[in-house]
Amino acid sequence: MAISKILRRSLSAGKRSNSTRSDVPKGHFVVYVGEGEKRRFVIPLSYLNEPSFQDLLCQAEEEFGFHHPMGGLTIPCSEDLFIDMTSRLSRT
């Protein structure tokens, strides 16, 4: 399934749960990351074009489907791995 379709479904689910927050700047979106307790990250939409981030979205779809009760995408990886990946993406 296309990444844009995954994101669209996830974001619309978040709107239905009325969890949109005003602290998310335009051009960014919320993801929740962690293996136990989830930590909230606000990241730029430009990451959606990155193959490594697209891989994480595909893993999220496989593990969680399109139901994200926290109002944002839930990414199934450790915080350390996610922070390392996003640090590399922000340098490019």
N, C-alpha and C. Protein backbone atom coordinates (compact mmCIF):
# COMPACT_ATOMS: atom_id res chain seq x y z
N MET A 1 0.86 -1.18 0.00
CA MET A 1 0.00 0.00 0.00
C MET A 1 0.90 1.24 0.00
N ALA A 2 0.48 2.29 -0.65
CA ALA A 2 1.26 3.51 -0.77
C ALA A 2 1.39 4.19 0.60
N ILE A 3 2.56 4.77 0.84
CA ILE A 3 2.84 5.45 2.10
C ILE A 3 1.84 6.57 2.34
N SER A 4 1.50 7.32 1.28
CA SER A 4 0.56 8.43 1.46
C SER A 4 -0.81 7.93 1.92
N LYS A 5 -1.22 6.76 1.45
CA LYS A 5 -2.51 6.19 1.86
C LYS A 5 -2.45 5.76 3.33
N ILE A 6 -1.32 5.19 3.76
CA ILE A 6 -1.14 4.80 5.16
C ILE A 6 -1.26 6.02 6.05
N LEU A 7 -0.53 7.08 5.67
CA LEU A 7 -0.54 8.28 6.48
C LEU A 7 -1.92 8.92 6.51
N ARG A 8 -2.58 9.00 5.36
CA ARG A 8 -3.90 9.61 5.29
C ARG A 8 -4.88 8.88 6.22
N ARG A 9 -4.87 7.57 6.17
CA ARG A 9 -5.78 6.80 7.04
C ARG A 9 -5.44 7.01 8.50
N SER A 10 -4.15 7.05 8.84
CA SER A 10 -3.75 7.23 10.23
C SER A 10 -4.10 8.61 10.73
N LEU A 11 -3.87 9.62 9.90
CA LEU A 11 -4.18 10.98 10.32
C LEU A 11 -5.67 11.19 10.46
N SER A 12 -6.47 10.61 9.57
CA SER A 12 -7.91 10.77 9.69
C SER A 12 -8.43 10.07 10.94
N ALA A 13 -7.82 8.96 11.31
CA ALA A 13 -8.21 8.27 12.55
C ALA A 13 -7.91 9.15 13.75
N GLY A 14 -6.78 9.86 13.72
CA GLY A 14 -6.42 10.77 14.80
C GLY A 14 -7.39 11.92 14.92
N LYS A 15 -7.88 12.44 13.79
CA LYS A 15 -8.85 13.53 13.82
C LYS A 15 -10.16 13.07 14.43
N ARG A 16 -10.54 11.85 14.12
CA ARG A 16 -11.79 11.33 14.69
C ARG A 16 -11.69 11.21 16.21
N SER A 17 -10.50 10.92 16.71
CA SER A 17 -10.36 10.78 18.16
C SER A 17 -10.18 12.13 18.85
N ASN A 18 -10.23 13.22 18.05
CA ASN A 18 -10.15 14.58 18.58
C ASN A 18 -8.86 14.82 19.36
N SER A 19 -7.75 14.24 18.89
CA SER A 19 -6.50 14.39 19.62
C SER A 19 -5.52 15.31 18.91
N THR A 20 -5.98 16.09 17.93
CA THR A 20 -5.11 17.02 17.24
C THR A 20 -4.65 18.06 18.24
N ARG A 21 -3.35 18.33 18.25
CA ARG A 21 -2.79 19.26 19.21
C ARG A 21 -2.26 20.48 18.50
N SER A 22 -2.37 21.62 19.14
CA SER A 22 -1.95 22.87 18.53
C SER A 22 -0.43 23.03 18.52
N ASP A 23 0.30 22.15 19.20
CA ASP A 23 1.75 22.29 19.25
C ASP A 23 2.45 21.58 18.09
N VAL A 24 1.69 21.15 17.09
CA VAL A 24 2.28 20.51 15.91
C VAL A 24 2.34 21.57 14.82
N PRO A 25 3.55 22.03 14.48
CA PRO A 25 3.66 23.08 13.46
C PRO A 25 3.27 22.57 12.08
N LYS A 26 2.89 23.50 11.24
CA LYS A 26 2.54 23.16 9.86
C LYS A 26 3.73 22.46 9.20
N GLY A 27 3.44 21.41 8.44
CA GLY A 27 4.50 20.67 7.77
C GLY A 27 5.12 19.58 8.63
N HIS A 28 4.52 19.28 9.76
CA HIS A 28 4.99 18.26 10.68
C HIS A 28 3.84 17.34 11.07
N PHE A 29 4.17 16.20 11.65
CA PHE A 29 3.16 15.30 12.17
C PHE A 29 3.71 14.56 13.38
N VAL A 30 2.80 13.91 14.10
CA VAL A 30 3.15 13.25 15.37
C VAL A 30 3.31 11.75 15.15
N VAL A 31 4.34 11.20 15.76
CA VAL A 31 4.50 9.74 15.84
C VAL A 31 4.77 9.39 17.29
N TYR A 32 4.41 8.16 17.65
CA TYR A 32 4.69 7.64 18.98
C TYR A 32 5.64 6.47 18.80
N VAL A 33 6.71 6.49 19.59
CA VAL A 33 7.78 5.51 19.42
C VAL A 33 8.12 4.89 20.76
N GLY A 34 8.42 3.61 20.74
CA GLY A 34 8.87 2.93 21.94
C GLY A 34 8.36 1.52 21.98
N GLU A 35 9.06 0.71 22.71
CA GLU A 35 8.67 -0.70 22.80
C GLU A 35 7.74 -0.96 23.97
N GLY A 36 7.81 -0.16 24.99
CA GLY A 36 6.91 -0.27 26.13
C GLY A 36 6.09 1.00 26.19
N GLU A 37 6.53 1.91 27.01
CA GLU A 37 5.89 3.22 27.08
C GLU A 37 6.25 4.00 25.82
N LYS A 38 5.27 4.62 25.21
CA LYS A 38 5.48 5.34 23.96
C LYS A 38 5.84 6.80 24.22
N ARG A 39 6.81 7.30 23.47
CA ARG A 39 7.22 8.70 23.56
C ARG A 39 6.76 9.42 22.29
N ARG A 40 6.26 10.62 22.45
CA ARG A 40 5.71 11.41 21.35
C ARG A 40 6.82 12.22 20.68
N PHE A 41 6.87 12.16 19.33
CA PHE A 41 7.82 12.95 18.54
C PHE A 41 7.03 13.73 17.49
N VAL A 42 7.45 14.96 17.24
CA VAL A 42 6.90 15.77 16.16
C VAL A 42 7.99 15.86 15.11
N ILE A 43 7.68 15.34 13.91
CA ILE A 43 8.71 15.26 12.87
C ILE A 43 8.21 15.89 11.58
N PRO A 44 9.14 16.32 10.73
CA PRO A 44 8.74 16.96 9.46
C PRO A 44 8.15 15.97 8.47
N LEU A 45 7.20 16.45 7.69
CA LEU A 45 6.59 15.64 6.63
C LEU A 45 7.61 15.18 5.60
N SER A 46 8.71 15.91 5.44
CA SER A 46 9.72 15.55 4.45
C SER A 46 10.32 14.18 4.71
N TYR A 47 10.23 13.69 5.94
CA TYR A 47 10.75 12.35 6.25
C TYR A 47 9.98 11.26 5.49
N LEU A 48 8.76 11.58 5.06
CA LEU A 48 7.96 10.59 4.33
C LEU A 48 8.59 10.21 3.00
N ASN A 49 9.48 11.04 2.49
CA ASN A 49 10.16 10.75 1.23
C ASN A 49 11.39 9.87 1.41
N GLU A 50 11.78 9.62 2.63
CA GLU A 50 13.00 8.86 2.93
C GLU A 50 12.71 7.36 3.00
N PRO A 51 13.47 6.56 2.25
CA PRO A 51 13.24 5.10 2.25
C PRO A 51 13.31 4.47 3.64
N SER A 52 14.22 4.92 4.48
CA SER A 52 14.33 4.32 5.82
C SER A 52 13.08 4.60 6.65
N PHE A 53 12.52 5.79 6.50
CA PHE A 53 11.30 6.11 7.23
C PHE A 53 10.11 5.36 6.64
N GLN A 54 10.08 5.20 5.33
CA GLN A 54 9.01 4.44 4.69
C GLN A 54 9.01 3.00 5.17
N ASP A 55 10.21 2.44 5.40
CA ASP A 55 10.30 1.08 5.95
C ASP A 55 9.65 1.00 7.32
N LEU A 56 9.89 2.01 8.16
CA LEU A 56 9.26 2.03 9.48
C LEU A 56 7.74 2.11 9.37
N LEU A 57 7.26 2.91 8.43
CA LEU A 57 5.80 3.01 8.24
C LEU A 57 5.20 1.68 7.81
N CYS A 58 5.90 0.97 6.96
CA CYS A 58 5.40 -0.35 6.54
C CYS A 58 5.37 -1.32 7.73
N GLN A 59 6.38 -1.25 8.58
CA GLN A 59 6.40 -2.09 9.79
C GLN A 59 5.23 -1.71 10.70
N ALA A 60 4.97 -0.41 10.82
CA ALA A 60 3.86 0.06 11.65
C ALA A 60 2.53 -0.46 11.12
N GLU A 61 2.37 -0.45 9.80
CA GLU A 61 1.14 -0.96 9.20
C GLU A 61 0.98 -2.44 9.49
N GLU A 62 2.07 -3.21 9.37
CA GLU A 62 2.01 -4.65 9.61
C GLU A 62 1.67 -4.95 11.07
N GLU A 63 2.26 -4.18 11.98
CA GLU A 63 2.07 -4.48 13.40
C GLU A 63 0.78 -3.91 13.97
N PHE A 64 0.42 -2.69 13.57
CA PHE A 64 -0.71 -2.01 14.19
C PHE A 64 -1.90 -1.80 13.27
N GLY A 65 -1.73 -2.02 11.97
CA GLY A 65 -2.81 -1.70 11.04
C GLY A 65 -3.02 -0.20 10.99
N PHE A 66 -4.27 0.20 10.87
CA PHE A 66 -4.56 1.64 10.77
C PHE A 66 -5.21 2.19 12.02
N HIS A 67 -5.27 1.42 13.08
CA HIS A 67 -5.87 1.89 14.33
C HIS A 67 -4.75 2.41 15.23
N HIS A 68 -4.76 3.71 15.46
CA HIS A 68 -3.75 4.34 16.31
C HIS A 68 -4.47 5.12 17.40
N PRO A 69 -4.75 4.50 18.53
CA PRO A 69 -5.57 5.13 19.56
C PRO A 69 -4.92 6.36 20.19
N MET A 70 -3.63 6.55 20.02
CA MET A 70 -2.97 7.70 20.62
C MET A 70 -3.13 8.95 19.75
N GLY A 71 -3.68 8.82 18.55
CA GLY A 71 -3.92 9.97 17.70
C GLY A 71 -2.80 10.28 16.73
N GLY A 72 -1.76 9.51 16.73
CA GLY A 72 -0.65 9.66 15.79
C GLY A 72 -0.18 8.29 15.41
N LEU A 73 0.72 8.24 14.47
CA LEU A 73 1.28 6.95 14.08
C LEU A 73 2.09 6.35 15.21
N THR A 74 1.98 5.05 15.38
CA THR A 74 2.79 4.33 16.36
C THR A 74 3.85 3.57 15.60
N ILE A 75 5.12 3.85 15.90
CA ILE A 75 6.24 3.25 15.20
C ILE A 75 6.82 2.14 16.07
N PRO A 76 6.89 0.91 15.55
CA PRO A 76 7.35 -0.24 16.34
C PRO A 76 8.87 -0.39 16.33
N CYS A 77 9.57 0.50 17.04
CA CYS A 77 11.02 0.35 17.18
C CYS A 77 11.43 1.02 18.48
N SER A 78 12.67 0.83 18.86
CA SER A 78 13.15 1.46 20.09
C SER A 78 13.35 2.95 19.88
N GLU A 79 13.26 3.71 20.95
CA GLU A 79 13.50 5.15 20.87
C GLU A 79 14.90 5.44 20.35
N ASP A 80 15.88 4.68 20.82
CA ASP A 80 17.27 4.92 20.40
C ASP A 80 17.43 4.77 18.90
N LEU A 81 16.84 3.72 18.33
CA LEU A 81 16.92 3.50 16.90
C LEU A 81 16.23 4.65 16.15
N PHE A 82 15.06 5.06 16.62
CA PHE A 82 14.32 6.13 15.97
C PHE A 82 15.09 7.45 16.03
N ILE A 83 15.64 7.77 17.18
CA ILE A 83 16.41 9.01 17.34
C ILE A 83 17.64 9.00 16.44
N ASP A 84 18.32 7.85 16.37
CA ASP A 84 19.48 7.72 15.50
C ASP A 84 19.08 7.95 14.04
N MET A 85 18.01 7.32 13.60
CA MET A 85 17.57 7.46 12.22
C MET A 85 17.16 8.90 11.91
N THR A 86 16.37 9.52 12.76
CA THR A 86 15.92 10.88 12.50
C THR A 86 17.06 11.89 12.58
N SER A 87 18.07 11.59 13.39
CA SER A 87 19.26 12.46 13.44
C SER A 87 19.98 12.42 12.10
N ARG A 88 20.10 11.23 11.54
CA ARG A 88 20.74 11.10 10.21
C ARG A 88 19.91 11.79 9.14
N LEU A 89 18.59 11.65 9.21
CA LEU A 89 17.72 12.28 8.22
C LEU A 89 17.77 13.79 8.30
N SER A 90 17.91 14.34 9.49
CA SER A 90 17.92 15.79 9.64
C SER A 90 19.22 16.40 9.11
N ARG A 91 20.26 15.60 8.98
CA ARG A 91 21.54 16.09 8.45
C ARG A 91 21.58 16.08 6.93
N THR A 92 20.62 15.39 6.30
CA THR A 92 20.65 15.30 4.83
C THR A 92 19.85 16.39 4.18
